[in-house]
């Protein structure tokens, strides 16, 4: 099993997963890291999503019933029946994949989305919601934003001007 806690960027994590999947399928180390394609990256991501969804409680139909969850043909729990009107109004025609709100993979994904432009919580949330539905994700995004050095530097408030002491002439009537 791959130890995902050693990775800091989701791109590296998915590339290593692609290489390992290729080694397993070809049963050889020759050319394993050559020619990583977008399809293989998507396949690696889907495998990890399937793995993460095992942590979602067995009664996901009851827990997330307000979101109308169902399994798609790939065996991934998706939500979006309530969002059908929104999906029709946007360019995104895929259902949102349900992910648990805790875990290193989710942290890697949220961190990579935040690192694209270091925008606010709402912008990062909108980018995440274009692909995944993660319960209580706003709190995780705000925590990532608070830990970001770039965001802390940019949003740092300058110290206000301190006034010097008044001369005696100005204090007397």
N, C-alpha and C. Protein backbone atom coordinates (compact mmCIF):
# COMPACT_ATOMS: atom_id res chain seq x y z
N UNK A 1 0.84 -1.18 0.00
CA UNK A 1 0.00 0.00 0.00
C UNK A 1 0.89 1.24 0.00
N UNK A 2 0.43 2.25 -0.66
CA UNK A 2 1.15 3.51 -0.79
C UNK A 2 0.88 4.39 0.43
N UNK A 3 1.94 4.91 1.03
CA UNK A 3 1.78 5.78 2.19
C UNK A 3 1.58 7.21 1.69
N UNK A 4 0.36 7.68 1.72
CA UNK A 4 0.07 8.98 1.13
C UNK A 4 0.42 10.13 2.06
N UNK A 5 0.75 9.87 3.30
CA UNK A 5 1.11 10.96 4.21
C UNK A 5 2.49 11.52 3.92
N UNK A 6 3.27 10.85 3.06
CA UNK A 6 4.60 11.35 2.72
C UNK A 6 4.54 12.37 1.59
N UNK A 7 3.40 12.51 0.94
CA UNK A 7 3.26 13.41 -0.20
C UNK A 7 2.71 14.76 0.25
N UNK A 8 3.22 15.82 -0.39
CA UNK A 8 2.74 17.16 -0.09
C UNK A 8 1.92 17.76 -1.23
N UNK A 9 1.99 17.17 -2.42
CA UNK A 9 1.26 17.68 -3.58
C UNK A 9 0.48 16.53 -4.22
N UNK A 10 -0.75 16.80 -4.55
CA UNK A 10 -1.61 15.75 -5.10
C UNK A 10 -1.14 15.30 -6.48
N UNK A 11 -0.50 16.19 -7.24
CA UNK A 11 -0.03 15.81 -8.57
C UNK A 11 1.04 14.72 -8.46
N UNK A 12 1.98 14.89 -7.53
CA UNK A 12 3.01 13.87 -7.34
C UNK A 12 2.39 12.56 -6.85
N UNK A 13 1.43 12.66 -5.98
CA UNK A 13 0.76 11.48 -5.44
C UNK A 13 0.06 10.70 -6.55
N UNK A 14 -0.64 11.40 -7.43
CA UNK A 14 -1.34 10.71 -8.52
C UNK A 14 -0.37 10.16 -9.55
N UNK A 15 0.74 10.84 -9.79
CA UNK A 15 1.75 10.31 -10.72
C UNK A 15 2.35 9.01 -10.21
N UNK A 16 2.67 8.97 -8.93
CA UNK A 16 3.22 7.75 -8.34
C UNK A 16 2.19 6.63 -8.39
N UNK A 17 0.93 6.97 -8.15
CA UNK A 17 -0.13 5.97 -8.25
C UNK A 17 -0.24 5.43 -9.67
N UNK A 18 -0.12 6.30 -10.68
CA UNK A 18 -0.16 5.86 -12.08
C UNK A 18 0.99 4.89 -12.37
N UNK A 19 2.17 5.23 -11.89
CA UNK A 19 3.33 4.37 -12.12
C UNK A 19 3.11 3.01 -11.47
N UNK A 20 2.62 3.00 -10.24
CA UNK A 20 2.37 1.73 -9.55
C UNK A 20 1.28 0.92 -10.24
N UNK A 21 0.24 1.59 -10.72
CA UNK A 21 -0.81 0.87 -11.44
C UNK A 21 -0.28 0.26 -12.73
N UNK A 22 0.60 0.98 -13.42
CA UNK A 22 1.19 0.45 -14.64
C UNK A 22 2.10 -0.74 -14.34
N UNK A 23 2.85 -0.68 -13.24
CA UNK A 23 3.71 -1.80 -12.85
C UNK A 23 2.86 -3.03 -12.55
N UNK A 24 1.75 -2.84 -11.87
CA UNK A 24 0.88 -3.96 -11.53
C UNK A 24 0.24 -4.56 -12.78
N UNK A 25 -0.22 -3.72 -13.70
CA UNK A 25 -0.90 -4.25 -14.89
C UNK A 25 0.07 -4.90 -15.87
N UNK A 26 1.27 -4.33 -16.04
CA UNK A 26 2.22 -4.91 -16.99
C UNK A 26 3.13 -5.95 -16.36
N UNK A 27 3.15 -6.00 -15.03
CA UNK A 27 4.01 -6.93 -14.28
C UNK A 27 5.47 -6.76 -14.65
N UNK A 28 5.85 -5.49 -14.87
CA UNK A 28 7.23 -5.18 -15.24
C UNK A 28 7.54 -3.75 -14.84
N UNK A 29 8.82 -3.50 -14.55
CA UNK A 29 9.25 -2.15 -14.22
C UNK A 29 9.70 -1.37 -15.44
N UNK A 30 9.75 -2.00 -16.59
CA UNK A 30 10.25 -1.34 -17.80
C UNK A 30 9.24 -0.31 -18.29
N UNK A 31 9.70 0.90 -18.45
CA UNK A 31 8.87 1.96 -19.01
C UNK A 31 7.68 2.33 -18.16
N UNK A 32 7.76 2.08 -16.87
CA UNK A 32 6.61 2.35 -16.00
C UNK A 32 6.33 3.84 -15.86
N UNK A 33 7.38 4.65 -15.86
CA UNK A 33 7.17 6.08 -15.63
C UNK A 33 7.12 6.89 -16.91
N UNK A 34 7.19 6.24 -18.06
CA UNK A 34 7.17 6.95 -19.33
C UNK A 34 5.73 7.07 -19.82
N UNK A 35 5.37 8.25 -20.23
CA UNK A 35 4.08 8.45 -20.88
C UNK A 35 2.89 8.39 -19.96
N UNK A 36 2.92 9.13 -18.89
CA UNK A 36 1.74 9.21 -18.03
C UNK A 36 0.73 10.10 -18.74
N UNK A 37 -0.44 9.58 -18.97
CA UNK A 37 -1.46 10.30 -19.73
C UNK A 37 -2.55 10.83 -18.79
N UNK A 38 -3.39 11.67 -19.35
CA UNK A 38 -4.51 12.22 -18.58
C UNK A 38 -5.49 11.12 -18.19
N UNK A 39 -5.65 10.13 -19.08
CA UNK A 39 -6.56 9.02 -18.77
C UNK A 39 -6.04 8.21 -17.60
N UNK A 40 -4.72 7.99 -17.56
CA UNK A 40 -4.18 7.21 -16.45
C UNK A 40 -4.25 8.00 -15.14
N UNK A 41 -4.09 9.32 -15.22
CA UNK A 41 -4.24 10.15 -14.02
C UNK A 41 -5.68 10.12 -13.51
N UNK A 42 -6.64 10.17 -14.43
CA UNK A 42 -8.05 10.08 -14.04
C UNK A 42 -8.37 8.72 -13.44
N UNK A 43 -7.80 7.66 -14.01
CA UNK A 43 -8.02 6.32 -13.48
C UNK A 43 -7.45 6.19 -12.07
N UNK A 44 -6.27 6.77 -11.85
CA UNK A 44 -5.66 6.74 -10.51
C UNK A 44 -6.52 7.51 -9.52
N UNK A 45 -7.03 8.65 -9.95
CA UNK A 45 -7.87 9.44 -9.06
C UNK A 45 -9.16 8.70 -8.72
N UNK A 46 -9.76 8.03 -9.69
CA UNK A 46 -10.97 7.26 -9.43
C UNK A 46 -10.71 6.10 -8.47
N UNK A 47 -9.55 5.47 -8.58
CA UNK A 47 -9.22 4.39 -7.66
C UNK A 47 -9.11 4.91 -6.23
N UNK A 48 -8.48 6.06 -6.06
CA UNK A 48 -8.37 6.61 -4.72
C UNK A 48 -9.72 7.08 -4.19
N UNK A 49 -10.58 7.57 -5.06
CA UNK A 49 -11.91 7.98 -4.62
C UNK A 49 -12.70 6.76 -4.16
N UNK A 50 -12.60 5.65 -4.90
CA UNK A 50 -13.24 4.41 -4.46
C UNK A 50 -12.71 3.97 -3.10
N UNK A 51 -11.40 4.09 -2.93
CA UNK A 51 -10.79 3.71 -1.66
C UNK A 51 -11.28 4.61 -0.52
N UNK A 52 -11.37 5.91 -0.77
CA UNK A 52 -11.83 6.84 0.26
C UNK A 52 -13.29 6.64 0.61
N UNK A 53 -14.08 6.26 -0.37
CA UNK A 53 -15.50 6.10 -0.12
C UNK A 53 -15.81 4.86 0.71
N UNK A 54 -14.82 4.00 0.92
CA UNK A 54 -15.03 2.89 1.84
C UNK A 54 -15.15 3.41 3.27
N UNK A 55 -14.55 4.58 3.54
CA UNK A 55 -14.62 5.16 4.88
C UNK A 55 -15.96 5.83 5.17
N UNK A 56 -16.71 6.11 4.12
CA UNK A 56 -18.05 6.68 4.32
C UNK A 56 -18.91 5.58 4.93
N UNK A 57 -19.71 5.96 5.89
CA UNK A 57 -20.50 4.96 6.63
C UNK A 57 -21.34 4.12 5.68
N UNK A 58 -21.64 2.91 6.15
CA UNK A 58 -22.39 1.96 5.32
C UNK A 58 -23.79 2.46 5.00
N UNK A 59 -24.34 3.27 5.87
CA UNK A 59 -25.68 3.80 5.62
C UNK A 59 -25.63 5.18 4.97
N UNK A 60 -24.81 5.29 3.92
CA UNK A 60 -24.66 6.58 3.23
C UNK A 60 -25.96 7.02 2.59
N UNK A 61 -26.85 6.07 2.28
CA UNK A 61 -28.13 6.48 1.69
C UNK A 61 -28.98 7.22 2.71
N UNK A 62 -28.85 6.84 3.99
CA UNK A 62 -29.61 7.54 5.03
C UNK A 62 -28.89 8.81 5.48
N UNK A 63 -27.58 8.73 5.61
CA UNK A 63 -26.81 9.87 6.11
C UNK A 63 -26.90 11.06 5.16
N UNK A 64 -26.80 10.79 3.87
CA UNK A 64 -26.78 11.86 2.87
C UNK A 64 -28.05 11.87 2.03
N UNK A 65 -29.18 11.46 2.60
CA UNK A 65 -30.41 11.33 1.82
C UNK A 65 -30.90 12.66 1.27
N UNK A 66 -30.56 13.77 1.92
CA UNK A 66 -30.98 15.08 1.42
C UNK A 66 -30.27 15.43 0.12
N UNK A 67 -29.12 14.80 -0.14
CA UNK A 67 -28.37 15.06 -1.36
C UNK A 67 -28.72 14.07 -2.47
N UNK A 68 -29.58 13.11 -2.18
CA UNK A 68 -29.98 12.06 -3.13
C UNK A 68 -28.77 11.33 -3.71
N UNK A 69 -28.02 10.62 -2.86
CA UNK A 69 -26.83 9.93 -3.37
C UNK A 69 -27.20 8.65 -4.11
N UNK A 70 -26.34 8.27 -5.02
CA UNK A 70 -26.48 6.99 -5.72
C UNK A 70 -25.12 6.59 -6.26
N UNK A 71 -24.99 5.30 -6.56
CA UNK A 71 -23.73 4.83 -7.14
C UNK A 71 -23.84 4.89 -8.65
N UNK A 72 -22.77 5.39 -9.28
CA UNK A 72 -22.77 5.44 -10.74
C UNK A 72 -22.20 4.14 -11.30
N UNK A 73 -22.03 4.08 -12.61
CA UNK A 73 -21.58 2.84 -13.25
C UNK A 73 -20.15 2.47 -12.87
N UNK A 74 -19.37 3.43 -12.38
CA UNK A 74 -17.99 3.14 -11.95
C UNK A 74 -17.93 2.71 -10.49
N UNK A 75 -19.07 2.67 -9.81
CA UNK A 75 -19.09 2.25 -8.42
C UNK A 75 -18.76 3.36 -7.44
N UNK A 76 -18.89 4.60 -7.87
CA UNK A 76 -18.57 5.75 -7.03
C UNK A 76 -19.87 6.42 -6.60
N UNK A 77 -19.95 6.76 -5.32
CA UNK A 77 -21.13 7.43 -4.79
C UNK A 77 -21.11 8.88 -5.27
N UNK A 78 -22.17 9.26 -5.96
CA UNK A 78 -22.29 10.63 -6.47
C UNK A 78 -23.56 11.25 -5.91
N UNK A 79 -23.54 12.57 -5.80
CA UNK A 79 -24.71 13.32 -5.38
C UNK A 79 -25.01 14.32 -6.49
N UNK A 80 -26.20 14.84 -6.47
CA UNK A 80 -26.49 15.83 -7.49
C UNK A 80 -27.90 15.80 -8.01
N UNK A 81 -28.75 14.96 -7.48
CA UNK A 81 -30.13 14.97 -7.94
C UNK A 81 -30.83 16.26 -7.53
N UNK A 82 -30.51 16.76 -6.34
CA UNK A 82 -31.08 18.04 -5.92
C UNK A 82 -30.45 19.19 -6.68
N UNK A 83 -29.27 18.96 -7.21
CA UNK A 83 -28.55 20.01 -7.92
C UNK A 83 -28.78 19.95 -9.43
N UNK A 84 -29.80 19.23 -9.85
CA UNK A 84 -30.01 19.02 -11.28
C UNK A 84 -30.20 20.33 -12.04
N UNK A 85 -30.95 21.25 -11.47
CA UNK A 85 -31.15 22.54 -12.14
C UNK A 85 -29.85 23.31 -12.25
N UNK A 86 -29.03 23.26 -11.19
CA UNK A 86 -27.74 23.95 -11.23
C UNK A 86 -26.83 23.31 -12.26
N UNK A 87 -26.84 21.99 -12.34
CA UNK A 87 -25.98 21.30 -13.30
C UNK A 87 -26.39 21.63 -14.73
N UNK A 88 -27.69 21.83 -14.96
CA UNK A 88 -28.14 22.20 -16.31
C UNK A 88 -27.70 23.61 -16.67
N UNK A 89 -27.63 24.48 -15.68
CA UNK A 89 -27.28 25.88 -15.94
C UNK A 89 -25.78 26.11 -16.10
N UNK A 90 -24.97 25.13 -15.74
CA UNK A 90 -23.52 25.30 -15.82
C UNK A 90 -22.96 24.39 -16.91
N UNK A 91 -21.69 24.56 -17.17
CA UNK A 91 -21.03 23.71 -18.16
C UNK A 91 -20.69 22.35 -17.59
N UNK A 92 -20.71 22.22 -16.29
CA UNK A 92 -20.37 20.97 -15.64
C UNK A 92 -21.57 20.04 -15.71
N UNK A 93 -21.48 18.99 -16.48
CA UNK A 93 -22.60 18.07 -16.66
C UNK A 93 -22.43 16.78 -15.88
N UNK A 94 -21.41 16.69 -15.05
CA UNK A 94 -21.19 15.47 -14.29
C UNK A 94 -21.72 15.64 -12.87
N UNK A 95 -22.12 14.52 -12.28
CA UNK A 95 -22.55 14.55 -10.90
C UNK A 95 -21.33 14.73 -10.00
N UNK A 96 -21.56 15.25 -8.82
CA UNK A 96 -20.47 15.52 -7.89
C UNK A 96 -20.16 14.25 -7.10
N UNK A 97 -18.89 13.89 -7.03
CA UNK A 97 -18.47 12.71 -6.29
C UNK A 97 -18.40 13.06 -4.81
N UNK A 98 -18.93 12.17 -3.99
CA UNK A 98 -18.96 12.39 -2.55
C UNK A 98 -17.66 11.91 -1.93
N UNK A 99 -17.03 12.77 -1.15
CA UNK A 99 -15.80 12.43 -0.44
C UNK A 99 -15.99 12.69 1.05
N UNK A 100 -15.31 11.93 1.91
CA UNK A 100 -15.37 12.24 3.34
C UNK A 100 -14.65 13.55 3.62
N UNK A 101 -15.02 14.21 4.71
CA UNK A 101 -14.44 15.52 4.97
C UNK A 101 -13.08 15.45 5.64
N UNK A 102 -12.66 14.29 6.07
CA UNK A 102 -11.35 14.15 6.70
C UNK A 102 -10.51 13.18 5.89
N UNK A 103 -9.21 13.35 6.00
CA UNK A 103 -8.30 12.46 5.30
C UNK A 103 -7.22 13.24 4.58
N UNK A 104 -6.12 12.58 4.37
CA UNK A 104 -4.97 13.26 3.77
C UNK A 104 -5.21 13.56 2.29
N UNK A 105 -5.90 12.67 1.58
CA UNK A 105 -6.18 12.92 0.16
C UNK A 105 -7.03 14.18 0.00
N UNK A 106 -8.04 14.32 0.83
CA UNK A 106 -8.90 15.51 0.76
C UNK A 106 -8.07 16.75 1.08
N UNK A 107 -7.19 16.64 2.08
CA UNK A 107 -6.34 17.78 2.42
C UNK A 107 -5.42 18.12 1.25
N UNK A 108 -4.85 17.10 0.58
CA UNK A 108 -3.98 17.35 -0.57
C UNK A 108 -4.76 18.05 -1.68
N UNK A 109 -5.98 17.59 -1.94
CA UNK A 109 -6.78 18.19 -3.00
C UNK A 109 -7.15 19.63 -2.66
N UNK A 110 -7.62 19.86 -1.45
CA UNK A 110 -8.00 21.22 -1.05
C UNK A 110 -6.79 22.15 -1.08
N UNK A 111 -5.66 21.65 -0.64
CA UNK A 111 -4.44 22.45 -0.64
C UNK A 111 -4.02 22.80 -2.07
N UNK A 112 -4.15 21.85 -2.99
CA UNK A 112 -3.76 22.13 -4.38
C UNK A 112 -4.70 23.14 -5.02
N UNK A 113 -5.98 23.05 -4.73
CA UNK A 113 -6.93 24.03 -5.27
C UNK A 113 -6.66 25.41 -4.68
N UNK A 114 -6.36 25.46 -3.40
CA UNK A 114 -6.05 26.75 -2.76
C UNK A 114 -4.75 27.33 -3.30
N UNK A 115 -3.76 26.50 -3.55
CA UNK A 115 -2.45 26.99 -4.01
C UNK A 115 -2.47 27.51 -5.44
N UNK A 116 -3.54 27.26 -6.19
CA UNK A 116 -3.60 27.76 -7.56
C UNK A 116 -3.58 29.28 -7.60
N UNK A 117 -4.34 29.93 -6.72
CA UNK A 117 -4.38 31.39 -6.75
C UNK A 117 -4.48 32.03 -5.37
N UNK A 118 -4.50 31.24 -4.31
CA UNK A 118 -4.59 31.75 -2.95
C UNK A 118 -5.76 32.72 -2.80
N UNK A 119 -6.89 32.33 -3.36
CA UNK A 119 -8.08 33.17 -3.28
C UNK A 119 -8.78 32.93 -1.94
N UNK A 120 -9.91 33.53 -1.78
CA UNK A 120 -10.65 33.41 -0.54
C UNK A 120 -11.33 32.06 -0.41
N UNK A 121 -12.03 31.91 0.69
CA UNK A 121 -12.70 30.65 1.00
C UNK A 121 -13.78 30.35 -0.03
N UNK A 122 -14.56 31.36 -0.43
CA UNK A 122 -15.66 31.13 -1.36
C UNK A 122 -15.18 30.72 -2.74
N UNK A 123 -14.11 31.31 -3.22
CA UNK A 123 -13.58 30.95 -4.54
C UNK A 123 -13.05 29.52 -4.52
N UNK A 124 -12.32 29.17 -3.48
CA UNK A 124 -11.80 27.82 -3.35
C UNK A 124 -12.94 26.82 -3.22
N UNK A 125 -13.96 27.17 -2.47
CA UNK A 125 -15.12 26.30 -2.31
C UNK A 125 -15.83 26.08 -3.65
N UNK A 126 -15.96 27.11 -4.45
CA UNK A 126 -16.60 26.97 -5.76
C UNK A 126 -15.79 26.05 -6.67
N UNK A 127 -14.47 26.15 -6.62
CA UNK A 127 -13.63 25.28 -7.44
C UNK A 127 -13.73 23.83 -6.99
N UNK A 128 -13.79 23.61 -5.69
CA UNK A 128 -13.91 22.25 -5.17
C UNK A 128 -15.27 21.67 -5.54
N UNK A 129 -16.32 22.48 -5.43
CA UNK A 129 -17.67 22.00 -5.71
C UNK A 129 -17.92 21.77 -7.20
N UNK A 130 -17.00 22.15 -8.06
CA UNK A 130 -17.18 21.84 -9.47
C UNK A 130 -16.92 20.36 -9.74
N UNK A 131 -16.29 19.66 -8.81
CA UNK A 131 -15.94 18.26 -9.02
C UNK A 131 -16.40 17.35 -7.89
N UNK A 132 -16.25 17.80 -6.65
CA UNK A 132 -16.53 16.96 -5.49
C UNK A 132 -17.55 17.62 -4.58
N UNK A 133 -18.24 16.77 -3.81
CA UNK A 133 -19.07 17.26 -2.72
C UNK A 133 -18.46 16.71 -1.45
N UNK A 134 -17.95 17.62 -0.62
CA UNK A 134 -17.30 17.24 0.63
C UNK A 134 -18.08 17.91 1.75
N UNK A 135 -18.67 17.13 2.66
CA UNK A 135 -19.41 17.75 3.76
C UNK A 135 -18.48 18.56 4.66
N UNK A 136 -18.97 19.68 5.14
CA UNK A 136 -18.25 20.56 6.06
C UNK A 136 -16.89 20.99 5.51
N UNK A 137 -16.84 21.26 4.22
CA UNK A 137 -15.56 21.60 3.59
C UNK A 137 -15.15 23.04 3.84
N UNK A 138 -16.10 23.90 4.13
CA UNK A 138 -15.78 25.32 4.34
C UNK A 138 -14.81 25.49 5.52
N UNK A 139 -15.02 24.72 6.57
CA UNK A 139 -14.14 24.80 7.74
C UNK A 139 -12.73 24.34 7.38
N UNK A 140 -12.61 23.28 6.59
CA UNK A 140 -11.29 22.79 6.18
C UNK A 140 -10.58 23.81 5.30
N UNK A 141 -11.32 24.44 4.40
CA UNK A 141 -10.72 25.43 3.51
C UNK A 141 -10.24 26.64 4.31
N UNK A 142 -11.04 27.08 5.26
CA UNK A 142 -10.61 28.23 6.06
C UNK A 142 -9.39 27.89 6.91
N UNK A 143 -9.29 26.64 7.36
CA UNK A 143 -8.11 26.23 8.12
C UNK A 143 -6.87 26.21 7.22
N UNK A 144 -7.03 25.73 6.00
CA UNK A 144 -5.90 25.73 5.05
C UNK A 144 -5.49 27.16 4.74
N UNK A 145 -6.47 28.04 4.58
CA UNK A 145 -6.16 29.44 4.28
C UNK A 145 -5.45 30.12 5.44
N UNK A 146 -5.82 29.78 6.65
CA UNK A 146 -5.16 30.37 7.82
C UNK A 146 -3.72 29.88 7.96
N UNK A 147 -3.45 28.66 7.51
CA UNK A 147 -2.10 28.11 7.60
C UNK A 147 -1.21 28.54 6.44
N UNK A 148 -1.78 29.08 5.40
CA UNK A 148 -1.02 29.47 4.22
C UNK A 148 -0.17 30.71 4.52
N UNK A 149 1.13 30.59 4.30
CA UNK A 149 2.04 31.70 4.58
C UNK A 149 1.77 32.86 3.62
N UNK A 150 1.52 32.55 2.36
CA UNK A 150 1.27 33.59 1.37
C UNK A 150 0.01 34.38 1.72
N UNK A 151 -1.03 33.68 2.12
CA UNK A 151 -2.28 34.37 2.48
C UNK A 151 -2.10 35.20 3.75
N UNK A 152 -1.35 34.68 4.70
CA UNK A 152 -1.13 35.46 5.92
C UNK A 152 -0.32 36.72 5.63
N UNK A 153 0.66 36.62 4.75
CA UNK A 153 1.44 37.82 4.40
C UNK A 153 0.60 38.83 3.64
N UNK A 154 -0.21 38.33 2.71
CA UNK A 154 -1.01 39.23 1.89
C UNK A 154 -2.10 39.90 2.71
N UNK A 155 -2.71 39.17 3.62
CA UNK A 155 -3.82 39.72 4.40
C UNK A 155 -3.38 40.36 5.70
N UNK A 156 -2.09 40.44 5.91
CA UNK A 156 -1.57 41.01 7.14
C UNK A 156 -1.92 42.50 7.20
N UNK A 157 -2.42 42.93 8.33
CA UNK A 157 -2.77 44.33 8.50
C UNK A 157 -1.56 45.07 9.06
N UNK A 158 -1.31 46.21 8.49
CA UNK A 158 -0.19 47.03 8.96
C UNK A 158 -0.54 47.63 10.32
N UNK A 159 0.49 47.88 11.06
CA UNK A 159 0.29 48.52 12.35
C UNK A 159 -0.12 49.97 12.10
N UNK A 160 -1.09 50.44 12.85
CA UNK A 160 -1.57 51.80 12.69
C UNK A 160 -0.53 52.82 13.12
N UNK A 161 -0.68 54.00 12.61
CA UNK A 161 0.26 55.07 12.93
C UNK A 161 0.10 55.48 14.39
N UNK A 162 1.22 55.58 15.07
CA UNK A 162 1.20 56.03 16.45
C UNK A 162 1.58 57.50 16.47
N UNK A 163 0.75 58.27 17.10
CA UNK A 163 0.97 59.71 17.14
C UNK A 163 2.03 60.05 18.19
N UNK A 164 2.83 61.02 17.86
CA UNK A 164 3.86 61.48 18.79
C UNK A 164 3.25 62.33 19.90
N UNK A 165 4.03 62.64 20.92
CA UNK A 165 3.50 63.46 22.01
C UNK A 165 3.27 64.90 21.53
N UNK A 166 2.24 65.52 22.08
CA UNK A 166 1.92 66.90 21.72
C UNK A 166 2.87 67.86 22.44
N UNK A 167 3.27 68.94 21.76
CA UNK A 167 4.10 69.94 22.45
C UNK A 167 3.28 70.69 23.49
N UNK A 168 3.95 71.30 24.43
CA UNK A 168 3.27 72.00 25.52
C UNK A 168 2.43 73.16 25.02
N UNK A 169 2.85 73.84 23.95
CA UNK A 169 2.09 74.97 23.42
C UNK A 169 0.70 74.55 22.97
N UNK A 170 0.57 73.36 22.49
CA UNK A 170 -0.72 72.90 21.99
C UNK A 170 -1.61 72.40 23.12
N UNK A 171 -1.03 72.12 24.26
CA UNK A 171 -1.82 71.62 25.38
C UNK A 171 -2.41 72.76 26.21
N UNK A 172 -1.81 73.95 26.17
CA UNK A 172 -2.30 75.08 26.97
C UNK A 172 -3.28 75.90 26.15
N UNK A 173 -4.35 76.44 26.82
CA UNK A 173 -5.34 77.24 26.09
C UNK A 173 -4.87 78.60 25.70
